[in-house]
PDB file of N, CA and C in Angstrom:
ATOM      1  N   UNK A   1     -12.588 -23.384   7.427  1.00  0.00           N
ATOM      2  CA  UNK A   1     -12.809 -22.210   8.211  1.00  0.00           C
ATOM      3  C   UNK A   1     -13.836 -21.250   7.677  1.00  0.00           C
ATOM      4  N   UNK A   2     -14.297 -20.403   8.479  1.00  0.00           N
ATOM      5  CA  UNK A   2     -15.343 -19.525   7.980  1.00  0.00           C
ATOM      6  C   UNK A   2     -14.817 -18.125   7.460  1.00  0.00           C
ATOM      7  N   UNK A   3     -15.153 -17.757   6.344  1.00  0.00           N
ATOM      8  CA  UNK A   3     -14.630 -16.505   5.711  1.00  0.00           C
ATOM      9  C   UNK A   3     -14.945 -15.355   6.576  1.00  0.00           C
ATOM     10  N   UNK A   4     -14.257 -14.364   6.627  1.00  0.00           N
ATOM     11  CA  UNK A   4     -14.551 -13.132   7.500  1.00  0.00           C
ATOM     12  C   UNK A   4     -15.346 -12.264   6.549  1.00  0.00           C
ATOM     13  N   UNK A   5     -16.530 -12.309   6.536  1.00  0.00           N
ATOM     14  CA  UNK A   5     -17.343 -11.293   5.685  1.00  0.00           C
ATOM     15  C   UNK A   5     -17.915 -10.182   6.582  1.00  0.00           C
ATOM     16  N   UNK A   6     -18.173 -10.467   7.872  1.00  0.00           N
ATOM     17  CA  UNK A   6     -18.584  -9.563   8.737  1.00  0.00           C
ATOM     18  C   UNK A   6     -17.565  -9.141   9.712  1.00  0.00           C
ATOM     19  N   UNK A   7     -17.628  -7.723  10.175  1.00  0.00           N
ATOM     20  CA  UNK A   7     -16.503  -7.409  11.136  1.00  0.00           C
ATOM     21  C   UNK A   7     -16.874  -8.171  12.447  1.00  0.00           C
ATOM     22  N   UNK A   8     -15.647  -8.504  13.024  1.00  0.00           N
ATOM     23  CA  UNK A   8     -15.563  -9.196  14.186  1.00  0.00           C
ATOM     24  C   UNK A   8     -14.534  -8.585  15.197  1.00  0.00           C
ATOM     25  N   UNK A   9     -15.061  -7.986  16.279  1.00  0.00           N
ATOM     26  CA  UNK A   9     -14.338  -7.237  17.351  1.00  0.00           C
ATOM     27  C   UNK A   9     -14.065  -7.959  18.478  1.00  0.00           C
ATOM     28  N   UNK A  10     -12.871  -7.819  19.072  1.00  0.00           N
ATOM     29  CA  UNK A  10     -12.397  -8.614  20.352  1.00  0.00           C
ATOM     30  C   UNK A  10     -11.492  -7.788  21.134  1.00  0.00           C
ATOM     31  N   UNK A  11     -11.560  -7.979  22.385  1.00  0.00           N
ATOM     32  CA  UNK A  11     -10.529  -7.207  23.278  1.00  0.00           C
ATOM     33  C   UNK A  11      -9.449  -8.367  23.669  1.00  0.00           C
ATOM     34  N   UNK A  12      -8.257  -7.899  23.514  1.00  0.00           N
ATOM     35  CA  UNK A  12      -7.082  -8.845  23.667  1.00  0.00           C
ATOM     36  C   UNK A  12      -6.620  -8.978  25.060  1.00  0.00           C
ATOM     37  N   UNK A  13      -5.738  -9.793  25.254  1.00  0.00           N
ATOM     38  CA  UNK A  13      -4.969  -9.699  26.667  1.00  0.00           C
ATOM     39  C   UNK A  13      -3.753  -8.941  26.598  1.00  0.00           C
ATOM     40  N   UNK A  14      -3.385  -8.320  25.522  1.00  0.00           N
ATOM     41  CA  UNK A  14      -2.344  -7.538  25.433  1.00  0.00           C
ATOM     42  C   UNK A  14      -2.629  -6.027  25.728  1.00  0.00           C
ATOM     43  N   UNK A  15      -1.489  -5.422  26.451  1.00  0.00           N
ATOM     44  CA  UNK A  15      -1.767  -4.069  26.885  1.00  0.00           C
ATOM     45  C   UNK A  15      -0.528  -3.052  26.270  1.00  0.00           C
ATOM     46  N   UNK A  16      -0.938  -1.824  26.017  1.00  0.00           N
ATOM     47  CA  UNK A  16      -0.003  -0.917  25.527  1.00  0.00           C
ATOM     48  C   UNK A  16       0.033   0.351  26.245  1.00  0.00           C
ATOM     49  N   UNK A  17       0.935   1.167  26.179  1.00  0.00           N
ATOM     50  CA  UNK A  17       0.929   2.441  26.870  1.00  0.00           C
ATOM     51  C   UNK A  17       0.676   3.437  25.865  1.00  0.00           C
ATOM     52  N   UNK A  18      -0.615   4.023  25.867  1.00  0.00           N
ATOM     53  CA  UNK A  18      -1.078   4.951  25.002  1.00  0.00           C
ATOM     54  C   UNK A  18      -2.026   5.965  25.863  1.00  0.00           C
ATOM     55  N   UNK A  19      -1.329   6.993  26.307  1.00  0.00           N
ATOM     56  CA  UNK A  19      -2.085   7.858  27.228  1.00  0.00           C
ATOM     57  C   UNK A  19      -2.692   7.034  28.323  1.00  0.00           C
ATOM     58  N   UNK A  20      -1.761   6.366  28.990  1.00  0.00           N
ATOM     59  CA  UNK A  20      -2.077   5.383  29.999  1.00  0.00           C
ATOM     60  C   UNK A  20      -1.851   3.919  29.591  1.00  0.00           C
ATOM     61  N   UNK A  21      -2.248   2.949  30.393  1.00  0.00           N
ATOM     62  CA  UNK A  21      -2.049   1.610  30.255  1.00  0.00           C
ATOM     63  C   UNK A  21      -3.370   1.034  29.743  1.00  0.00           C
ATOM     64  N   UNK A  22      -3.393   0.678  28.557  1.00  0.00           N
ATOM     65  CA  UNK A  22      -4.747   0.256  27.840  1.00  0.00           C
ATOM     66  C   UNK A  22      -4.714  -1.194  27.347  1.00  0.00           C
ATOM     67  N   UNK A  23      -5.836  -1.830  27.269  1.00  0.00           N
ATOM     68  CA  UNK A  23      -5.938  -3.044  26.525  1.00  0.00           C
ATOM     69  C   UNK A  23      -6.031  -2.837  24.932  1.00  0.00           C
ATOM     70  N   UNK A  24      -5.797  -3.804  24.130  1.00  0.00           N
ATOM     71  CA  UNK A  24      -5.954  -3.605  22.693  1.00  0.00           C
ATOM     72  C   UNK A  24      -7.089  -4.243  22.224  1.00  0.00           C
ATOM     73  N   UNK A  25      -7.753  -3.404  21.454  1.00  0.00           N
ATOM     74  CA  UNK A  25      -9.067  -4.016  20.736  1.00  0.00           C
ATOM     75  C   UNK A  25      -8.661  -4.359  19.358  1.00  0.00           C
ATOM     76  N   UNK A  26      -9.165  -5.514  18.935  1.00  0.00           N
ATOM     77  CA  UNK A  26      -8.854  -5.910  17.499  1.00  0.00           C
ATOM     78  C   UNK A  26     -10.147  -6.136  16.773  1.00  0.00           C
ATOM     79  N   UNK A  27     -10.258  -5.638  15.580  1.00  0.00           N
ATOM     80  CA  UNK A  27     -11.350  -5.873  14.692  1.00  0.00           C
ATOM     81  C   UNK A  27     -10.837  -6.414  13.293  1.00  0.00           C
ATOM     82  N   UNK A  28     -11.421  -7.658  12.931  1.00  0.00           N
ATOM     83  CA  UNK A  28     -11.112  -8.172  11.681  1.00  0.00           C
ATOM     84  C   UNK A  28     -12.125  -7.910  10.619  1.00  0.00           C
ATOM     85  N   UNK A  29     -11.783  -7.214   9.500  1.00  0.00           N
ATOM     86  CA  UNK A  29     -12.754  -6.866   8.482  1.00  0.00           C
ATOM     87  C   UNK A  29     -12.202  -7.339   7.234  1.00  0.00           C
ATOM     88  N   UNK A  30     -12.796  -8.350   6.578  1.00  0.00           N
ATOM     89  CA  UNK A  30     -12.215  -8.853   5.360  1.00  0.00           C
ATOM     90  C   UNK A  30     -10.722  -9.285   5.463  1.00  0.00           C
ATOM     91  N   UNK A  31      -9.904  -8.541   4.709  1.00  0.00           N
ATOM     92  CA  UNK A  31      -8.511  -8.998   4.754  1.00  0.00           C
ATOM     93  C   UNK A  31      -7.603  -7.986   5.403  1.00  0.00           C
ATOM     94  N   UNK A  32      -8.151  -7.307   6.405  1.00  0.00           N
ATOM     95  CA  UNK A  32      -7.558  -6.354   7.291  1.00  0.00           C
ATOM     96  C   UNK A  32      -7.829  -6.564   8.731  1.00  0.00           C
ATOM     97  N   UNK A  33      -6.822  -6.183   9.440  1.00  0.00           N
ATOM     98  CA  UNK A  33      -6.854  -6.122  11.011  1.00  0.00           C
ATOM     99  C   UNK A  33      -6.786  -4.810  11.423  1.00  0.00           C
ATOM    100  N   UNK A  34      -7.661  -4.235  12.278  1.00  0.00           N
ATOM    101  CA  UNK A  34      -7.686  -2.924  12.823  1.00  0.00           C
ATOM    102  C   UNK A  34      -7.358  -3.141  14.245  1.00  0.00           C
ATOM    103  N   UNK A  35      -6.307  -2.478  14.743  1.00  0.00           N
ATOM    104  CA  UNK A  35      -5.878  -2.445  16.202  1.00  0.00           C
ATOM    105  C   UNK A  35      -6.137  -1.044  16.810  1.00  0.00           C
ATOM    106  N   UNK A  36      -6.606  -0.969  17.982  1.00  0.00           N
ATOM    107  CA  UNK A  36      -6.726   0.312  18.725  1.00  0.00           C
ATOM    108  C   UNK A  36      -6.631  -0.028  20.184  1.00  0.00           C
ATOM    109  N   UNK A  37      -6.117   1.150  20.986  1.00  0.00           N
ATOM    110  CA  UNK A  37      -6.174   0.990  22.430  1.00  0.00           C
ATOM    111  C   UNK A  37      -7.492   1.316  22.845  1.00  0.00           C
ATOM    112  N   UNK A  38      -8.006   0.503  23.766  1.00  0.00           N
ATOM    113  CA  UNK A  38      -9.304   0.631  24.412  1.00  0.00           C
ATOM    114  C   UNK A  38      -9.563   2.053  24.906  1.00  0.00           C
ATOM    115  N   UNK A  39     -10.659   2.614  24.440  1.00  0.00           N
ATOM    116  CA  UNK A  39     -10.995   4.046  24.958  1.00  0.00           C
ATOM    117  C   UNK A  39     -10.519   5.158  23.896  1.00  0.00           C
ATOM    118  N   UNK A  40      -9.721   4.661  22.810  1.00  0.00           N
ATOM    119  CA  UNK A  40      -9.217   5.623  21.896  1.00  0.00           C
ATOM    120  C   UNK A  40      -9.774   5.387  20.721  1.00  0.00           C
ATOM    121  N   UNK A  41      -9.806   6.418  19.743  1.00  0.00           N
ATOM    122  CA  UNK A  41     -10.468   6.459  18.419  1.00  0.00           C
ATOM    123  C   UNK A  41      -9.419   6.168  17.310  1.00  0.00           C
ATOM    124  N   UNK A  42      -8.220   6.398  17.540  1.00  0.00           N
ATOM    125  CA  UNK A  42      -7.173   6.204  16.465  1.00  0.00           C
ATOM    126  C   UNK A  42      -6.928   4.598  16.234  1.00  0.00           C
ATOM    127  N   UNK A  43      -7.238   4.202  14.935  1.00  0.00           N
ATOM    128  CA  UNK A  43      -6.887   2.794  14.673  1.00  0.00           C
ATOM    129  C   UNK A  43      -5.586   2.565  13.876  1.00  0.00           C
ATOM    130  N   UNK A  44      -5.022   1.541  13.849  1.00  0.00           N
ATOM    131  CA  UNK A  44      -3.823   1.067  13.099  1.00  0.00           C
ATOM    132  C   UNK A  44      -4.435   0.009  12.164  1.00  0.00           C
ATOM    133  N   UNK A  45      -4.267   0.016  10.972  1.00  0.00           N
ATOM    134  CA  UNK A  45      -4.826  -1.058  10.033  1.00  0.00           C
ATOM    135  C   UNK A  45      -3.600  -1.817   9.265  1.00  0.00           C
ATOM    136  N   UNK A  46      -3.670  -3.023   9.459  1.00  0.00           N
ATOM    137  CA  UNK A  46      -2.668  -4.010   8.929  1.00  0.00           C
ATOM    138  C   UNK A  46      -3.284  -4.921   7.926  1.00  0.00           C
ATOM    139  N   UNK A  47      -2.745  -5.052   6.744  1.00  0.00           N
ATOM    140  CA  UNK A  47      -3.225  -6.063   5.773  1.00  0.00           C
ATOM    141  C   UNK A  47      -2.660  -7.410   6.232  1.00  0.00           C
ATOM    142  N   UNK A  48      -3.658  -8.369   6.273  1.00  0.00           N
ATOM    143  CA  UNK A  48      -3.322  -9.724   6.595  1.00  0.00           C
ATOM    144  C   UNK A  48      -2.079 -10.355   5.864  1.00  0.00           C
ATOM    145  N   UNK A  49      -2.198 -10.088   4.555  1.00  0.00           N
ATOM    146  CA  UNK A  49      -1.164 -10.677   3.729  1.00  0.00           C
ATOM    147  C   UNK A  49       0.238 -10.154   4.017  1.00  0.00           C
ATOM    148  N   UNK A  50       0.394  -8.943   4.201  1.00  0.00           N
ATOM    149  CA  UNK A  50       1.725  -8.306   4.603  1.00  0.00           C
ATOM    150  C   UNK A  50       2.140  -8.654   6.115  1.00  0.00           C
ATOM    151  N   UNK A  51       1.162  -8.935   6.930  1.00  0.00           N
ATOM    152  CA  UNK A  51       1.352  -9.388   8.214  1.00  0.00           C
ATOM    153  C   UNK A  51       2.004 -10.796   8.312  1.00  0.00           C
ATOM    154  N   UNK A  52       1.363 -11.651   7.383  1.00  0.00           N
ATOM    155  CA  UNK A  52       1.840 -13.026   7.079  1.00  0.00           C
ATOM    156  C   UNK A  52       3.303 -12.972   6.648  1.00  0.00           C
ATOM    157  N   UNK A  53       3.540 -12.257   5.658  1.00  0.00           N
ATOM    158  CA  UNK A  53       4.785 -12.058   5.073  1.00  0.00           C
ATOM    159  C   UNK A  53       5.925 -11.699   6.071  1.00  0.00           C
ATOM    160  N   UNK A  54       5.505 -10.567   6.718  1.00  0.00           N
ATOM    161  CA  UNK A  54       6.488 -10.147   7.859  1.00  0.00           C
ATOM    162  C   UNK A  54       6.760 -11.296   8.971  1.00  0.00           C
ATOM    163  N   UNK A  55       5.826 -12.162   9.295  1.00  0.00           N
ATOM    164  CA  UNK A  55       5.874 -13.067  10.280  1.00  0.00           C
ATOM    165  C   UNK A  55       6.946 -14.205   9.651  1.00  0.00           C
ATOM    166  N   UNK A  56       6.708 -14.417   8.370  1.00  0.00           N
ATOM    167  CA  UNK A  56       7.700 -15.568   7.887  1.00  0.00           C
ATOM    168  C   UNK A  56       9.116 -15.033   7.801  1.00  0.00           C
ATOM    169  N   UNK A  57       9.148 -13.770   7.415  1.00  0.00           N
ATOM    170  CA  UNK A  57      10.567 -13.230   7.215  1.00  0.00           C
ATOM    171  C   UNK A  57      11.236 -13.221   8.622  1.00  0.00           C
ATOM    172  N   UNK A  58      10.519 -12.871   9.717  1.00  0.00           N
ATOM    173  CA  UNK A  58      11.092 -12.783  11.003  1.00  0.00           C
ATOM    174  C   UNK A  58      11.461 -14.219  11.422  1.00  0.00           C
ATOM    175  N   UNK A  59      10.646 -15.187  11.108  1.00  0.00           N
ATOM    176  CA  UNK A  59      10.993 -16.666  11.339  1.00  0.00           C
ATOM    177  C   UNK A  59      12.294 -17.051  10.668  1.00  0.00           C
ATOM    178  N   UNK A  60      12.392 -16.615   9.445  1.00  0.00           N
ATOM    179  CA  UNK A  60      13.495 -17.034   8.576  1.00  0.00           C
ATOM    180  C   UNK A  60      14.933 -16.367   9.195  1.00  0.00           C
ATOM    181  N   UNK A  61      14.765 -15.104   9.631  1.00  0.00           N
ATOM    182  CA  UNK A  61      15.843 -14.452  10.188  1.00  0.00           C
ATOM    183  C   UNK A  61      16.228 -15.126  11.456  1.00  0.00           C
ATOM    184  N   UNK A  62      15.383 -15.572  12.298  1.00  0.00           N
ATOM    185  CA  UNK A  62      15.545 -16.199  13.610  1.00  0.00           C
ATOM    186  C   UNK A  62      16.227 -17.441  13.366  1.00  0.00           C
ATOM    187  N   UNK A  63      15.709 -18.260  12.330  1.00  0.00           N
ATOM    188  CA  UNK A  63      16.321 -19.490  12.004  1.00  0.00           C
ATOM    189  C   UNK A  63      17.860 -19.473  11.497  1.00  0.00           C
ATOM    190  N   UNK A  64      18.080 -18.224  10.704  1.00  0.00           N
ATOM    191  CA  UNK A  64      19.418 -18.138  10.224  1.00  0.00           C
ATOM    192  C   UNK A  64      20.308 -17.724  11.380  1.00  0.00           C
ATOM    193  N   UNK A  65      19.906 -16.908  12.408  1.00  0.00           N
ATOM    194  CA  UNK A  65      20.685 -16.704  13.505  1.00  0.00           C
ATOM    195  C   UNK A  65      21.025 -17.913  14.315  1.00  0.00           C
ATOM    196  N   UNK A  66      19.959 -18.587  14.472  1.00  0.00           N
ATOM    197  CA  UNK A  66      20.275 -19.864  15.313  1.00  0.00           C
ATOM    198  C   UNK A  66      21.292 -20.894  14.593  1.00  0.00           C
ATOM    199  N   UNK A  67      21.175 -20.958  13.314  1.00  0.00           N
ATOM    200  CA  UNK A  67      22.049 -21.838  12.574  1.00  0.00           C
ATOM    201  C   UNK A  67      23.376 -21.151  12.602  1.00  0.00           C
ATOM    202  N   UNK A  68      23.663 -20.039  12.635  1.00  0.00           N
ATOM    203  CA  UNK A  68      24.855 -19.323  12.679  1.00  0.00           C
ATOM    204  C   UNK A  68      25.540 -19.435  13.919  1.00  0.00           C
ATOM    205  N   UNK A  69      24.746 -19.398  15.028  1.00  0.00           N
ATOM    206  CA  UNK A  69      25.159 -19.594  16.460  1.00  0.00           C
ATOM    207  C   UNK A  69      25.696 -20.952  16.567  1.00  0.00           C
ATOM    208  N   UNK A  70      25.069 -21.857  16.144  1.00  0.00           N
ATOM    209  CA  UNK A  70      25.263 -23.335  16.103  1.00  0.00           C
ATOM    210  C   UNK A  70      26.629 -23.679  15.529  1.00  0.00           C
ATOM    211  N   UNK A  71      26.785 -23.116  14.344  1.00  0.00           N
ATOM    212  CA  UNK A  71      28.101 -23.177  13.594  1.00  0.00           C
ATOM    213  C   UNK A  71      29.214 -22.679  14.229  1.00  0.00           C
ATOM    214  N   UNK A  72      28.955 -21.533  15.006  1.00  0.00           N
ATOM    215  CA  UNK A  72      30.062 -20.835  15.729  1.00  0.00           C
ATOM    216  C   UNK A  72      30.421 -21.645  16.897  1.00  0.00           C
ATOM    217  N   UNK A  73      29.414 -22.188  17.645  1.00  0.00           N
ATOM    218  CA  UNK A  73      29.606 -23.028  18.652  1.00  0.00           C
ATOM    219  C   UNK A  73      30.405 -24.312  18.485  1.00  0.00           C
ATOM    220  N   UNK A  74      30.191 -24.881  17.474  1.00  0.00           N
ATOM    221  CA  UNK A  74      30.832 -26.105  17.140  1.00  0.00           C
ATOM    222  C   UNK A  74      32.164 -25.932  16.402  1.00  0.00           C
ATOM    223  N   UNK A  75      32.249 -24.738  15.625  1.00  0.00           N
ATOM    224  CA  UNK A  75      33.474 -24.619  14.877  1.00  0.00           C
ATOM    225  C   UNK A  75      34.313 -23.529  15.267  1.00  0.00           C
TER     226      UNK A  75
END
């Protein structure tokens, strides 16, 4: 894969309510992701490593819930 050395901006298909119904713009700069509602200046910055950690944590929690539900159903 190509390393992200230059900022890359894209409009997403996601929409949020931020003083109206607006599309979300994403900019990838190095190891951070900047999110903002289209037409707004306020940005939210997320570190990619912490985002990855959170996604893994959510997956593990979901798997534990599914496993617990399966045990409850059979036992």
